C-alpha atoms as a PDB file:
ATOM      1  CA  UNK A   1     107.772  54.184 120.648  1.00  0.00           C
ATOM      2  CA  UNK A   2     108.187  56.782 123.374  1.00  0.00           C
ATOM      3  CA  UNK A   3     111.625  57.665 121.997  1.00  0.00           C
ATOM      4  CA  UNK A   4     110.174  58.658 118.596  1.00  0.00           C
ATOM      5  CA  UNK A   5     107.442  60.834 120.145  1.00  0.00           C
ATOM      6  CA  UNK A   6     109.487  64.090 120.280  1.00  0.00           C
ATOM      7  CA  UNK A   7     110.378  63.757 116.583  1.00  0.00           C
ATOM      8  CA  UNK A   8     106.745  63.301 115.633  1.00  0.00           C
ATOM      9  CA  UNK A   9     105.663  66.259 117.777  1.00  0.00           C
ATOM     10  CA  UNK A  10     108.324  68.428 116.144  1.00  0.00           C
ATOM     11  CA  UNK A  11     107.166  67.358 112.683  1.00  0.00           C
ATOM     12  CA  UNK A  12     103.539  68.199 113.565  1.00  0.00           C
ATOM     13  CA  UNK A  13     104.526  71.625 114.911  1.00  0.00           C
ATOM     14  CA  UNK A  14     106.469  72.429 111.749  1.00  0.00           C
ATOM     15  CA  UNK A  15     103.542  71.339 109.573  1.00  0.00           C
ATOM     16  CA  UNK A  16     101.097  73.442 111.611  1.00  0.00           C
ATOM     17  CA  UNK A  17     103.370  76.514 111.401  1.00  0.00           C
ATOM     18  CA  UNK A  18     103.710  76.005 107.655  1.00  0.00           C
ATOM     19  CA  UNK A  19      99.931  75.860 107.218  1.00  0.00           C
ATOM     20  CA  UNK A  20      99.475  79.029 109.292  1.00  0.00           C
ATOM     21  CA  UNK A  21     102.080  80.902 107.240  1.00  0.00           C
ATOM     22  CA  UNK A  22     100.416  79.831 103.996  1.00  0.00           C
ATOM     23  CA  UNK A  23      97.017  81.001 105.266  1.00  0.00           C
ATOM     24  CA  UNK A  24      98.439  84.398 106.246  1.00  0.00           C
ATOM     25  CA  UNK A  25      99.930  84.820 102.768  1.00  0.00           C
ATOM     26  CA  UNK A  26      96.596  83.902 101.182  1.00  0.00           C
ATOM     27  CA  UNK A  27      94.732  86.500 103.240  1.00  0.00           C
ATOM     28  CA  UNK A  28      97.194  89.199 102.226  1.00  0.00           C
ATOM     29  CA  UNK A  29      97.069  88.251  98.555  1.00  0.00           C
ATOM     30  CA  UNK A  30      93.250  88.078  98.408  1.00  0.00           C
ATOM     31  CA  UNK A  31      92.819  91.794  99.105  1.00  0.00           C
ATOM     32  CA  UNK A  32      95.531  93.699  97.283  1.00  0.00           C
ATOM     33  CA  UNK A  33      94.765  97.411  97.219  1.00  0.00           C
ATOM     34  CA  UNK A  34      96.526  99.466  94.611  1.00  0.00           C
ATOM     35  CA  UNK A  35      97.602 103.048  95.146  1.00  0.00           C
ATOM     36  CA  UNK A  36      95.021 104.327  92.666  1.00  0.00           C
ATOM     37  CA  UNK A  37      92.232 102.457  94.463  1.00  0.00           C
ATOM     38  CA  UNK A  38      93.359 103.942  97.766  1.00  0.00           C
ATOM     39  CA  UNK A  39      93.390 107.445  96.273  1.00  0.00           C
ATOM     40  CA  UNK A  40      89.899 106.941  94.865  1.00  0.00           C
ATOM     41  CA  UNK A  41      88.559 105.771  98.221  1.00  0.00           C
ATOM     42  CA  UNK A  42      90.218 108.716  99.990  1.00  0.00           C
ATOM     43  CA  UNK A  43      88.707 111.169  97.516  1.00  0.00           C
ATOM     44  CA  UNK A  44      85.236 109.663  97.965  1.00  0.00           C
ATOM     45  CA  UNK A  45      85.639 109.780 101.734  1.00  0.00           C
ATOM     46  CA  UNK A  46      86.624 113.454 101.509  1.00  0.00           C
ATOM     47  CA  UNK A  47      83.539 114.263  99.418  1.00  0.00           C
ATOM     48  CA  UNK A  48      81.228 112.575 101.935  1.00  0.00           C
ATOM     49  CA  UNK A  49      82.926 114.208 104.918  1.00  0.00           C
ATOM     50  CA  UNK A  50      82.734 117.681 103.345  1.00  0.00           C
ATOM     51  CA  UNK A  51      79.026 117.241 102.571  1.00  0.00           C
ATOM     52  CA  UNK A  52      78.259 116.021 106.071  1.00  0.00           C
ATOM     53  CA  UNK A  53      80.245 118.971 107.490  1.00  0.00           C
ATOM     54  CA  UNK A  54      77.919 121.353 105.623  1.00  0.00           C
ATOM     55  CA  UNK A  55      80.109 122.637 102.792  1.00  0.00           C
ATOM     56  CA  UNK A  56      78.347 123.782  99.582  1.00  0.00           C
ATOM     57  CA  UNK A  57      78.289 121.409  96.610  1.00  0.00           C
ATOM     58  CA  UNK A  58      80.310 123.810  94.459  1.00  0.00           C
ATOM     59  CA  UNK A  59      83.025 124.028  97.109  1.00  0.00           C
ATOM     60  CA  UNK A  60      83.132 120.234  97.399  1.00  0.00           C
ATOM     61  CA  UNK A  61      83.335 119.981  93.623  1.00  0.00           C
ATOM     62  CA  UNK A  62      86.322 122.344  93.436  1.00  0.00           C
ATOM     63  CA  UNK A  63      88.103 120.665  96.352  1.00  0.00           C
ATOM     64  CA  UNK A  64      87.593 117.155  95.006  1.00  0.00           C
ATOM     65  CA  UNK A  65      89.124 117.729  91.593  1.00  0.00           C
ATOM     66  CA  UNK A  66      86.306 116.085  89.651  1.00  0.00           C
ATOM     67  CA  UNK A  67      85.456 117.487  86.237  1.00  0.00           C
ATOM     68  CA  UNK A  68      81.704 117.506  86.792  1.00  0.00           C
ATOM     69  CA  UNK A  69      79.332 118.137  89.655  1.00  0.00           C
ATOM     70  CA  UNK A  70      77.466 114.954  88.831  1.00  0.00           C
ATOM     71  CA  UNK A  71      80.427 112.957  90.150  1.00  0.00           C
ATOM     72  CA  UNK A  72      79.830 114.510  93.571  1.00  0.00           C
ATOM     73  CA  UNK A  73      76.171 113.481  93.484  1.00  0.00           C
ATOM     74  CA  UNK A  74      77.121 109.996  92.270  1.00  0.00           C
ATOM     75  CA  UNK A  75      79.464 109.507  95.226  1.00  0.00           C
ATOM     76  CA  UNK A  76      76.912 110.827  97.702  1.00  0.00           C
ATOM     77  CA  UNK A  77      74.235 108.497  96.310  1.00  0.00           C
ATOM     78  CA  UNK A  78      76.655 105.567  96.304  1.00  0.00           C
ATOM     79  CA  UNK A  79      77.366 106.114 100.008  1.00  0.00           C
ATOM     80  CA  UNK A  80      73.686 106.446 100.925  1.00  0.00           C
ATOM     81  CA  UNK A  81      73.846 110.130 101.807  1.00  0.00           C
ATOM     82  CA  UNK A  82      70.444 111.791 101.647  1.00  0.00           C
ATOM     83  CA  UNK A  83      70.600 115.097  99.796  1.00  0.00           C
ATOM     84  CA  UNK A  84      68.901 117.605 102.059  1.00  0.00           C
ATOM     85  CA  UNK A  85      70.062 121.071 101.076  1.00  0.00           C
ATOM     86  CA  UNK A  86      67.593 123.339  99.333  1.00  0.00           C
ATOM     87  CA  UNK A  87      68.147 123.202  95.578  1.00  0.00           C
ATOM     88  CA  UNK A  88      70.177 120.013  95.955  1.00  0.00           C
ATOM     89  CA  UNK A  89      67.546 117.942  97.731  1.00  0.00           C
ATOM     90  CA  UNK A  90      66.068 116.192  94.709  1.00  0.00           C
ATOM     91  CA  UNK A  91      67.303 114.898  91.388  1.00  0.00           C
ATOM     92  CA  UNK A  92      70.160 116.672  89.644  1.00  0.00           C
ATOM     93  CA  UNK A  93      69.005 119.697  87.655  1.00  0.00           C
ATOM     94  CA  UNK A  94      70.817 121.937  85.196  1.00  0.00           C
ATOM     95  CA  UNK A  95      72.700 124.799  86.798  1.00  0.00           C
ATOM     96  CA  UNK A  96      71.675 128.358  86.129  1.00  0.00           C
ATOM     97  CA  UNK A  97      74.522 130.237  84.486  1.00  0.00           C
ATOM     98  CA  UNK A  98      74.705 133.727  85.911  1.00  0.00           C
END
């Protein structure tokens, strides 16, 4: 009985290592992040950071590459940023064309 103990311990260690490796693979496969998702998150982060840094909405809009200003407001609202800059403190209004 004592002679078979090292074999059983070795078998248990191998089984435990196998379970740990499988769990690590599952964690990695549960949260795959595609390149496009990463780019989208980076762009949203840039918009929020520029707004917090005090840049004008129009400048943020041009730097972000969005086609409409409403996308900037959508991202800011999504991230819980309170709009607190003069004309841009309330709901979105039509722009005056000058």
